[in-house]
């Protein structure tokens, strides 16, 4: 597991079946790469994300780059389990979440999903992208759009 150790925060991240996590941009951004939407992978990912979001410190911006490999599609099971993440309503966390998928169908679904999940972390901006560099630039606030 990896540790991020700014003065007031230690969050241990891990990888699981179908996803890998790492800190990038000198520990400012949590990068999650999803490589499978099999049930076992979705279950492990959802449990990890729920635990992470529930423990995220209020004094640290939540900056997350969530990448899906090109071959992944949005399955009914993934949509169903995502509802568990939407149920987390922490108004005390701020930041940005960028979801990257080169799959245009998945991009459209995620974009619509973000528009309909305003209560999920209402102070965390959420956007879908097809380009990783643009997503990272937006996460770091290098341009406005």
N, C-alpha and C. Protein backbone atom coordinates (compact mmCIF):
# COMPACT_ATOMS: atom_id res chain seq x y z
N UNK A 1 0.84 -1.19 0.00
CA UNK A 1 0.00 0.00 0.00
C UNK A 1 0.88 1.25 0.00
N UNK A 2 0.30 2.32 -0.45
CA UNK A 2 1.02 3.58 -0.54
C UNK A 2 0.51 4.53 0.53
N UNK A 3 1.39 5.40 1.02
CA UNK A 3 0.98 6.38 2.01
C UNK A 3 1.22 7.77 1.47
N UNK A 4 0.30 8.65 1.75
CA UNK A 4 0.45 10.07 1.44
C UNK A 4 0.57 10.76 2.78
N UNK A 5 1.64 11.50 3.02
CA UNK A 5 1.85 12.02 4.35
C UNK A 5 2.06 13.53 4.40
N UNK A 6 1.07 14.33 4.01
CA UNK A 6 1.17 15.74 4.33
C UNK A 6 1.11 15.89 5.85
N UNK A 7 1.35 17.06 6.34
CA UNK A 7 1.47 17.28 7.78
C UNK A 7 0.30 16.72 8.58
N UNK A 8 -0.92 16.81 8.06
CA UNK A 8 -2.07 16.45 8.87
C UNK A 8 -2.85 15.27 8.34
N UNK A 9 -2.31 14.55 7.40
CA UNK A 9 -3.12 13.48 6.81
C UNK A 9 -2.30 12.28 6.43
N UNK A 10 -2.81 11.13 6.76
CA UNK A 10 -2.25 9.88 6.26
C UNK A 10 -3.41 9.03 5.77
N UNK A 11 -3.44 8.78 4.48
CA UNK A 11 -4.47 7.90 3.91
C UNK A 11 -3.74 6.77 3.21
N UNK A 12 -4.04 5.59 3.63
CA UNK A 12 -3.43 4.43 2.99
C UNK A 12 -4.35 4.00 1.86
N UNK A 13 -3.82 3.88 0.68
CA UNK A 13 -4.63 3.44 -0.44
C UNK A 13 -4.16 2.06 -0.86
N UNK A 14 -5.01 1.37 -1.53
CA UNK A 14 -4.67 0.01 -1.94
C UNK A 14 -5.23 -0.25 -3.33
N UNK A 15 -4.78 -1.31 -3.90
CA UNK A 15 -5.33 -1.77 -5.16
C UNK A 15 -6.17 -3.00 -4.88
N UNK A 16 -7.00 -3.36 -5.81
CA UNK A 16 -7.85 -4.53 -5.64
C UNK A 16 -8.04 -5.19 -6.99
N UNK A 17 -8.88 -6.22 -7.02
CA UNK A 17 -9.12 -6.87 -8.30
C UNK A 17 -9.81 -5.90 -9.26
N UNK A 18 -9.15 -5.58 -10.35
CA UNK A 18 -9.75 -4.72 -11.35
C UNK A 18 -9.52 -3.23 -11.16
N UNK A 19 -8.73 -2.83 -10.15
CA UNK A 19 -8.41 -1.41 -10.03
C UNK A 19 -7.05 -1.23 -9.34
N UNK A 20 -6.37 -0.15 -9.73
CA UNK A 20 -5.08 0.21 -9.14
C UNK A 20 -5.15 1.66 -8.69
N UNK A 21 -4.54 1.95 -7.55
CA UNK A 21 -4.54 3.31 -7.01
C UNK A 21 -3.11 3.80 -6.80
N UNK A 22 -2.92 5.08 -7.00
CA UNK A 22 -1.62 5.69 -6.71
C UNK A 22 -1.81 7.19 -6.51
N UNK A 23 -0.85 7.79 -5.83
CA UNK A 23 -0.83 9.24 -5.70
C UNK A 23 0.01 9.80 -6.83
N UNK A 24 -0.48 10.83 -7.51
CA UNK A 24 0.28 11.49 -8.58
C UNK A 24 0.34 12.98 -8.29
N UNK A 25 1.09 13.69 -9.10
CA UNK A 25 1.25 15.14 -8.93
C UNK A 25 1.72 15.48 -7.51
N UNK A 26 2.81 14.85 -7.11
CA UNK A 26 3.41 15.07 -5.79
C UNK A 26 2.43 14.85 -4.64
N UNK A 27 1.58 13.84 -4.81
CA UNK A 27 0.65 13.48 -3.75
C UNK A 27 -0.59 14.33 -3.66
N UNK A 28 -0.81 15.19 -4.64
CA UNK A 28 -2.01 16.05 -4.61
C UNK A 28 -3.23 15.37 -5.19
N UNK A 29 -3.04 14.38 -6.08
CA UNK A 29 -4.16 13.77 -6.80
C UNK A 29 -4.13 12.26 -6.58
N UNK A 30 -5.29 11.72 -6.22
CA UNK A 30 -5.44 10.28 -6.13
C UNK A 30 -5.86 9.78 -7.51
N UNK A 31 -5.06 8.89 -8.09
CA UNK A 31 -5.37 8.34 -9.41
C UNK A 31 -5.85 6.90 -9.23
N UNK A 32 -7.01 6.61 -9.79
CA UNK A 32 -7.57 5.27 -9.74
C UNK A 32 -7.79 4.81 -11.17
N UNK A 33 -7.21 3.67 -11.51
CA UNK A 33 -7.36 3.11 -12.87
C UNK A 33 -8.17 1.84 -12.76
N UNK A 34 -9.32 1.83 -13.40
CA UNK A 34 -10.22 0.69 -13.36
C UNK A 34 -10.04 -0.13 -14.63
N UNK A 35 -9.83 -1.44 -14.45
CA UNK A 35 -9.54 -2.30 -15.59
C UNK A 35 -10.56 -3.42 -15.77
N UNK A 36 -11.55 -3.50 -14.86
CA UNK A 36 -12.55 -4.56 -14.97
C UNK A 36 -13.86 -4.10 -14.35
N UNK A 37 -14.97 -4.52 -14.96
CA UNK A 37 -16.29 -4.27 -14.37
C UNK A 37 -16.97 -5.59 -14.01
N UNK A 38 -16.16 -6.63 -13.82
CA UNK A 38 -16.70 -7.90 -13.32
C UNK A 38 -17.25 -7.67 -11.91
N UNK A 39 -18.22 -8.45 -11.50
CA UNK A 39 -18.86 -8.25 -10.19
C UNK A 39 -17.86 -8.16 -9.05
N UNK A 40 -16.89 -9.09 -9.01
CA UNK A 40 -15.89 -9.08 -7.94
C UNK A 40 -15.13 -7.75 -7.92
N UNK A 41 -14.78 -7.24 -9.09
CA UNK A 41 -14.05 -5.97 -9.19
C UNK A 41 -14.92 -4.81 -8.75
N UNK A 42 -16.15 -4.78 -9.22
CA UNK A 42 -17.08 -3.70 -8.84
C UNK A 42 -17.28 -3.70 -7.33
N UNK A 43 -17.50 -4.85 -6.75
CA UNK A 43 -17.71 -4.94 -5.30
C UNK A 43 -16.51 -4.42 -4.53
N UNK A 44 -15.30 -4.85 -4.91
CA UNK A 44 -14.08 -4.41 -4.23
C UNK A 44 -13.88 -2.90 -4.39
N UNK A 45 -14.12 -2.40 -5.60
CA UNK A 45 -13.95 -0.97 -5.87
C UNK A 45 -14.94 -0.13 -5.06
N UNK A 46 -16.21 -0.53 -5.05
CA UNK A 46 -17.24 0.24 -4.33
C UNK A 46 -16.93 0.25 -2.83
N UNK A 47 -16.53 -0.87 -2.27
CA UNK A 47 -16.18 -0.91 -0.84
C UNK A 47 -14.99 0.00 -0.55
N UNK A 48 -13.98 -0.04 -1.42
CA UNK A 48 -12.82 0.82 -1.25
C UNK A 48 -13.22 2.30 -1.30
N UNK A 49 -14.00 2.68 -2.29
CA UNK A 49 -14.39 4.08 -2.46
C UNK A 49 -15.26 4.56 -1.28
N UNK A 50 -16.20 3.75 -0.84
CA UNK A 50 -17.04 4.14 0.29
C UNK A 50 -16.18 4.37 1.53
N UNK A 51 -15.25 3.47 1.80
CA UNK A 51 -14.37 3.62 2.95
C UNK A 51 -13.51 4.88 2.81
N UNK A 52 -12.95 5.08 1.63
CA UNK A 52 -12.10 6.25 1.38
C UNK A 52 -12.87 7.55 1.56
N UNK A 53 -14.05 7.63 0.97
CA UNK A 53 -14.83 8.86 1.04
C UNK A 53 -15.33 9.14 2.45
N UNK A 54 -15.69 8.12 3.17
CA UNK A 54 -16.15 8.32 4.55
C UNK A 54 -15.03 8.79 5.47
N UNK A 55 -13.78 8.44 5.13
CA UNK A 55 -12.65 8.83 5.99
C UNK A 55 -11.91 10.07 5.49
N UNK A 56 -12.31 10.62 4.35
CA UNK A 56 -11.54 11.74 3.78
C UNK A 56 -11.58 12.93 4.74
N UNK A 57 -10.40 13.49 5.09
CA UNK A 57 -10.36 14.63 6.03
C UNK A 57 -10.95 15.91 5.41
N UNK A 58 -11.65 16.68 6.22
CA UNK A 58 -12.31 17.88 5.71
C UNK A 58 -11.32 18.97 5.33
N UNK A 59 -10.11 18.93 5.86
CA UNK A 59 -9.15 19.99 5.58
C UNK A 59 -8.23 19.66 4.40
N UNK A 60 -8.55 18.60 3.65
CA UNK A 60 -7.80 18.25 2.46
C UNK A 60 -8.73 18.22 1.25
N UNK A 61 -8.34 18.91 0.19
CA UNK A 61 -9.15 18.88 -1.04
C UNK A 61 -9.15 17.47 -1.61
N UNK A 62 -10.32 17.03 -2.02
CA UNK A 62 -10.46 15.72 -2.67
C UNK A 62 -10.24 15.92 -4.16
N UNK A 63 -9.07 15.53 -4.65
CA UNK A 63 -8.75 15.61 -6.07
C UNK A 63 -8.52 14.19 -6.56
N UNK A 64 -9.41 13.73 -7.43
CA UNK A 64 -9.35 12.33 -7.85
C UNK A 64 -9.49 12.22 -9.37
N UNK A 65 -8.58 11.45 -9.95
CA UNK A 65 -8.61 11.13 -11.36
C UNK A 65 -8.99 9.67 -11.49
N UNK A 66 -10.20 9.41 -11.96
CA UNK A 66 -10.71 8.04 -12.11
C UNK A 66 -10.67 7.69 -13.59
N UNK A 67 -9.80 6.71 -13.94
CA UNK A 67 -9.65 6.32 -15.34
C UNK A 67 -10.23 4.93 -15.58
N UNK A 68 -10.95 4.80 -16.68
CA UNK A 68 -11.48 3.51 -17.13
C UNK A 68 -10.76 3.12 -18.41
N UNK A 69 -10.34 1.87 -18.53
CA UNK A 69 -9.69 1.42 -19.75
C UNK A 69 -10.71 1.45 -20.90
N UNK A 70 -10.23 1.59 -22.15
CA UNK A 70 -11.13 1.78 -23.29
C UNK A 70 -12.16 0.67 -23.51
N UNK A 71 -11.84 -0.54 -23.10
CA UNK A 71 -12.74 -1.66 -23.36
C UNK A 71 -13.89 -1.78 -22.37
N UNK A 72 -13.88 -0.97 -21.32
CA UNK A 72 -14.91 -1.10 -20.28
C UNK A 72 -16.20 -0.41 -20.69
N UNK A 73 -17.29 -1.02 -20.32
CA UNK A 73 -18.60 -0.42 -20.55
C UNK A 73 -19.33 -0.34 -19.21
N UNK A 74 -20.37 0.45 -19.18
CA UNK A 74 -21.17 0.60 -17.97
C UNK A 74 -22.19 -0.53 -17.94
N UNK A 75 -22.05 -1.40 -16.96
CA UNK A 75 -22.95 -2.54 -16.84
C UNK A 75 -24.10 -2.21 -15.89
N UNK A 76 -25.20 -2.93 -15.98
CA UNK A 76 -26.29 -2.71 -15.02
C UNK A 76 -25.81 -2.90 -13.57
N UNK A 77 -24.94 -3.87 -13.34
CA UNK A 77 -24.44 -4.10 -11.98
C UNK A 77 -23.60 -2.92 -11.49
N UNK A 78 -22.77 -2.35 -12.36
CA UNK A 78 -21.97 -1.18 -12.00
C UNK A 78 -22.89 -0.01 -11.65
N UNK A 79 -23.91 0.23 -12.46
CA UNK A 79 -24.87 1.31 -12.16
C UNK A 79 -25.56 1.07 -10.83
N UNK A 80 -25.98 -0.16 -10.59
CA UNK A 80 -26.68 -0.50 -9.35
C UNK A 80 -25.77 -0.25 -8.13
N UNK A 81 -24.54 -0.72 -8.21
CA UNK A 81 -23.62 -0.57 -7.08
C UNK A 81 -23.15 0.88 -6.91
N UNK A 82 -23.12 1.64 -7.99
CA UNK A 82 -22.74 3.05 -7.90
C UNK A 82 -23.71 3.84 -7.03
N UNK A 83 -24.93 3.38 -6.95
CA UNK A 83 -25.93 4.04 -6.11
C UNK A 83 -25.48 4.06 -4.64
N UNK A 84 -24.72 3.07 -4.23
CA UNK A 84 -24.20 3.05 -2.86
C UNK A 84 -23.22 4.21 -2.63
N UNK A 85 -22.46 4.56 -3.66
CA UNK A 85 -21.52 5.68 -3.54
C UNK A 85 -22.30 6.98 -3.52
N UNK A 86 -23.32 7.08 -4.36
CA UNK A 86 -24.13 8.30 -4.43
C UNK A 86 -24.76 8.59 -3.07
N UNK A 87 -25.05 7.54 -2.30
CA UNK A 87 -25.67 7.71 -1.00
C UNK A 87 -24.82 8.44 0.02
N UNK A 88 -23.54 8.57 -0.25
CA UNK A 88 -22.66 9.29 0.67
C UNK A 88 -22.83 10.78 0.40
N UNK A 89 -23.28 11.51 1.39
CA UNK A 89 -23.57 12.93 1.18
C UNK A 89 -22.78 13.76 2.18
N UNK A 90 -21.49 13.93 1.90
CA UNK A 90 -20.65 14.74 2.78
C UNK A 90 -20.54 16.15 2.20
N UNK A 91 -21.15 17.09 2.88
CA UNK A 91 -21.10 18.48 2.44
C UNK A 91 -19.83 19.17 2.92
N UNK A 92 -19.06 18.50 3.78
CA UNK A 92 -17.87 19.12 4.35
C UNK A 92 -16.61 18.88 3.53
N UNK A 93 -16.71 18.11 2.46
CA UNK A 93 -15.54 17.82 1.61
C UNK A 93 -15.65 18.63 0.32
N UNK A 94 -14.55 19.26 -0.06
CA UNK A 94 -14.51 20.03 -1.30
C UNK A 94 -13.44 19.44 -2.22
N UNK A 95 -13.53 19.75 -3.49
CA UNK A 95 -12.52 19.31 -4.44
C UNK A 95 -13.08 19.06 -5.81
N UNK A 96 -12.42 18.17 -6.55
CA UNK A 96 -12.81 17.85 -7.92
C UNK A 96 -12.61 16.37 -8.19
N UNK A 97 -13.51 15.81 -8.98
CA UNK A 97 -13.43 14.43 -9.43
C UNK A 97 -13.52 14.43 -10.95
N UNK A 98 -12.49 13.91 -11.60
CA UNK A 98 -12.47 13.80 -13.06
C UNK A 98 -12.51 12.33 -13.43
N UNK A 99 -13.47 11.96 -14.23
CA UNK A 99 -13.60 10.59 -14.70
C UNK A 99 -13.19 10.56 -16.17
N UNK A 100 -12.28 9.68 -16.51
CA UNK A 100 -11.75 9.62 -17.87
C UNK A 100 -12.07 8.28 -18.51
N UNK A 101 -12.71 8.33 -19.66
CA UNK A 101 -12.94 7.13 -20.46
C UNK A 101 -12.88 7.50 -21.93
N UNK A 102 -12.09 6.79 -22.72
CA UNK A 102 -12.08 7.06 -24.16
C UNK A 102 -13.29 6.46 -24.87
N UNK A 103 -14.07 5.65 -24.17
CA UNK A 103 -15.27 5.03 -24.73
C UNK A 103 -16.39 6.08 -24.73
N UNK A 104 -16.82 6.52 -25.92
CA UNK A 104 -17.80 7.61 -26.01
C UNK A 104 -19.16 7.26 -25.42
N UNK A 105 -19.58 6.02 -25.53
CA UNK A 105 -20.85 5.62 -24.91
C UNK A 105 -20.74 5.72 -23.40
N UNK A 106 -19.67 5.19 -22.84
CA UNK A 106 -19.46 5.28 -21.39
C UNK A 106 -19.33 6.73 -20.96
N UNK A 107 -18.62 7.55 -21.75
CA UNK A 107 -18.48 8.97 -21.44
C UNK A 107 -19.85 9.63 -21.30
N UNK A 108 -20.73 9.38 -22.26
CA UNK A 108 -22.07 9.97 -22.24
C UNK A 108 -22.84 9.53 -21.00
N UNK A 109 -22.76 8.26 -20.67
CA UNK A 109 -23.46 7.75 -19.49
C UNK A 109 -22.91 8.40 -18.22
N UNK A 110 -21.58 8.47 -18.08
CA UNK A 110 -20.99 9.08 -16.89
C UNK A 110 -21.31 10.56 -16.81
N UNK A 111 -21.28 11.24 -17.94
CA UNK A 111 -21.59 12.67 -17.95
C UNK A 111 -23.02 12.91 -17.46
N UNK A 112 -23.96 12.13 -17.95
CA UNK A 112 -25.36 12.24 -17.50
C UNK A 112 -25.48 11.86 -16.03
N UNK A 113 -24.75 10.85 -15.61
CA UNK A 113 -24.78 10.41 -14.22
C UNK A 113 -24.31 11.53 -13.30
N UNK A 114 -23.21 12.20 -13.67
CA UNK A 114 -22.71 13.31 -12.86
C UNK A 114 -23.74 14.43 -12.76
N UNK A 115 -24.43 14.71 -13.86
CA UNK A 115 -25.44 15.77 -13.84
C UNK A 115 -26.61 15.44 -12.93
N UNK A 116 -26.86 14.15 -12.73
CA UNK A 116 -28.02 13.75 -11.92
C UNK A 116 -27.67 13.41 -10.48
N UNK A 117 -26.40 13.55 -10.10
CA UNK A 117 -26.00 13.17 -8.73
C UNK A 117 -25.50 14.37 -7.96
N UNK A 118 -26.25 15.44 -7.97
CA UNK A 118 -25.84 16.67 -7.30
C UNK A 118 -25.63 16.52 -5.81
N UNK A 119 -26.39 15.61 -5.15
CA UNK A 119 -26.22 15.49 -3.70
C UNK A 119 -24.94 14.78 -3.31
N UNK A 120 -24.39 13.96 -4.21
CA UNK A 120 -23.17 13.24 -3.86
C UNK A 120 -22.01 14.23 -3.81
N UNK A 121 -21.57 14.51 -2.61
CA UNK A 121 -20.49 15.48 -2.43
C UNK A 121 -20.81 16.76 -3.21
N UNK A 122 -21.81 17.52 -2.75
CA UNK A 122 -22.22 18.70 -3.51
C UNK A 122 -21.13 19.74 -3.69
N UNK A 123 -20.11 19.71 -2.83
CA UNK A 123 -19.02 20.67 -2.94
C UNK A 123 -17.80 20.11 -3.67
N UNK A 124 -17.99 18.97 -4.33
CA UNK A 124 -16.95 18.39 -5.18
C UNK A 124 -17.45 18.49 -6.63
N UNK A 125 -16.71 19.25 -7.43
CA UNK A 125 -17.07 19.35 -8.84
C UNK A 125 -16.77 18.03 -9.52
N UNK A 126 -17.65 17.61 -10.42
CA UNK A 126 -17.49 16.33 -11.10
C UNK A 126 -17.62 16.53 -12.60
N UNK A 127 -16.66 15.97 -13.36
CA UNK A 127 -16.72 16.07 -14.82
C UNK A 127 -16.20 14.80 -15.46
N UNK A 128 -16.77 14.47 -16.60
CA UNK A 128 -16.29 13.34 -17.40
C UNK A 128 -15.45 13.87 -18.55
N UNK A 129 -14.42 13.15 -18.90
CA UNK A 129 -13.50 13.53 -19.97
C UNK A 129 -13.18 12.31 -20.83
N UNK A 130 -12.77 12.57 -22.06
CA UNK A 130 -12.25 11.50 -22.92
C UNK A 130 -10.73 11.58 -23.00
N UNK A 131 -10.13 12.65 -22.48
CA UNK A 131 -8.69 12.87 -22.58
C UNK A 131 -8.09 13.04 -21.18
N UNK A 132 -7.12 12.21 -20.84
CA UNK A 132 -6.51 12.23 -19.50
C UNK A 132 -5.81 13.55 -19.20
N UNK A 133 -5.05 14.09 -20.16
CA UNK A 133 -4.33 15.33 -19.92
C UNK A 133 -5.27 16.50 -19.63
N UNK A 134 -6.36 16.57 -20.36
CA UNK A 134 -7.35 17.64 -20.10
C UNK A 134 -7.99 17.46 -18.73
N UNK A 135 -8.26 16.21 -18.36
CA UNK A 135 -8.84 15.94 -17.05
C UNK A 135 -7.89 16.36 -15.94
N UNK A 136 -6.63 16.01 -16.07
CA UNK A 136 -5.64 16.36 -15.05
C UNK A 136 -5.45 17.87 -14.96
N UNK A 137 -5.43 18.54 -16.10
CA UNK A 137 -5.31 19.99 -16.12
C UNK A 137 -6.49 20.63 -15.39
N UNK A 138 -7.70 20.14 -15.65
CA UNK A 138 -8.90 20.66 -14.99
C UNK A 138 -8.83 20.39 -13.49
N UNK A 139 -8.42 19.18 -13.11
CA UNK A 139 -8.32 18.84 -11.68
C UNK A 139 -7.42 19.80 -10.94
N UNK A 140 -6.29 20.14 -11.56
CA UNK A 140 -5.31 20.99 -10.92
C UNK A 140 -5.63 22.48 -11.07
N UNK A 141 -6.73 22.79 -11.75
CA UNK A 141 -7.16 24.17 -11.88
C UNK A 141 -6.31 24.99 -12.81
N UNK A 142 -5.71 24.33 -13.82
CA UNK A 142 -4.82 25.05 -14.74
C UNK A 142 -5.58 25.84 -15.81
N UNK A 143 -6.87 25.66 -15.89
CA UNK A 143 -7.68 26.46 -16.83
C UNK A 143 -9.11 26.43 -16.36
N UNK A 144 -9.88 27.36 -16.86
CA UNK A 144 -11.31 27.36 -16.51
C UNK A 144 -12.10 27.00 -17.75
N UNK A 145 -13.21 26.37 -17.51
CA UNK A 145 -14.06 25.96 -18.64
C UNK A 145 -15.49 26.03 -18.22
